[in-house]
């Protein structure tokens, strides 16, 4: 099945949604040497190898297993918060990763009802960024409640707990997600965040890189489209062999 838009009556049909999730979660290939789209989870696990368990936050989580940066951690005993603006995706997390906290919501530095741009049913590229959405072809405008990341964390049992690993894949809206987090309180040890830039000289000039550098984060890895940044305290841990 491709990810073209479906008729509204079919998209909201309970039987169709159940059968679709059954196929999506159990009848397609999900067993890989890696689970992340570009094998980021291998580098992530190696950087976090000293932590047998921890707390993660995954913004733009997509699928509980496939193309997911936290599934490997979940299997090893980590738990956390998964956030996506697509209800069908969060329904899948509630089935496969019921021990996590799974939230259907948009995330940005502003709150309230906002428009987002859907490029299809269970699409990889739903976005709050209109310019990015236009590069993906046909899209539909939809509305959803948007909250800041700090507010979402604080409505869960993880309130006040420092984040061990933060993964952000918000399709060109990643910087706004970071701006919505209270770094003084939650201070992620390791951050995985997407870039579509290919050359480091361009990356280091980007607003996202400049923002994290101002927070004293350093680039410790680059896998596919994903940049890995470490907090100064965690950088010291990485130096200990």
Foldseek 3Di string as FASTA:
>chain_A
DDFAADPPVQVPDPVNLVVVLCCVPPVDDQDDPAAAPQRVLVVVCVLVVVDQEFEEEEELQLACGHNGNCNVRVVSHYEYEYEEQAVSRLVRCCVPPVVHHYYRAAEFQDWDKAKWKARGDSDSAIANDPVLNVVVPDTDIDIGTYDAPLVVCCVDPCNQPAHAEYEDDHRPRRQRNVNSDDCVRHVYFKYKYFDPDDDVVVVCPDPSNVVVVVQVWDFDDDTDRITMTGHPVSVVVSVPD
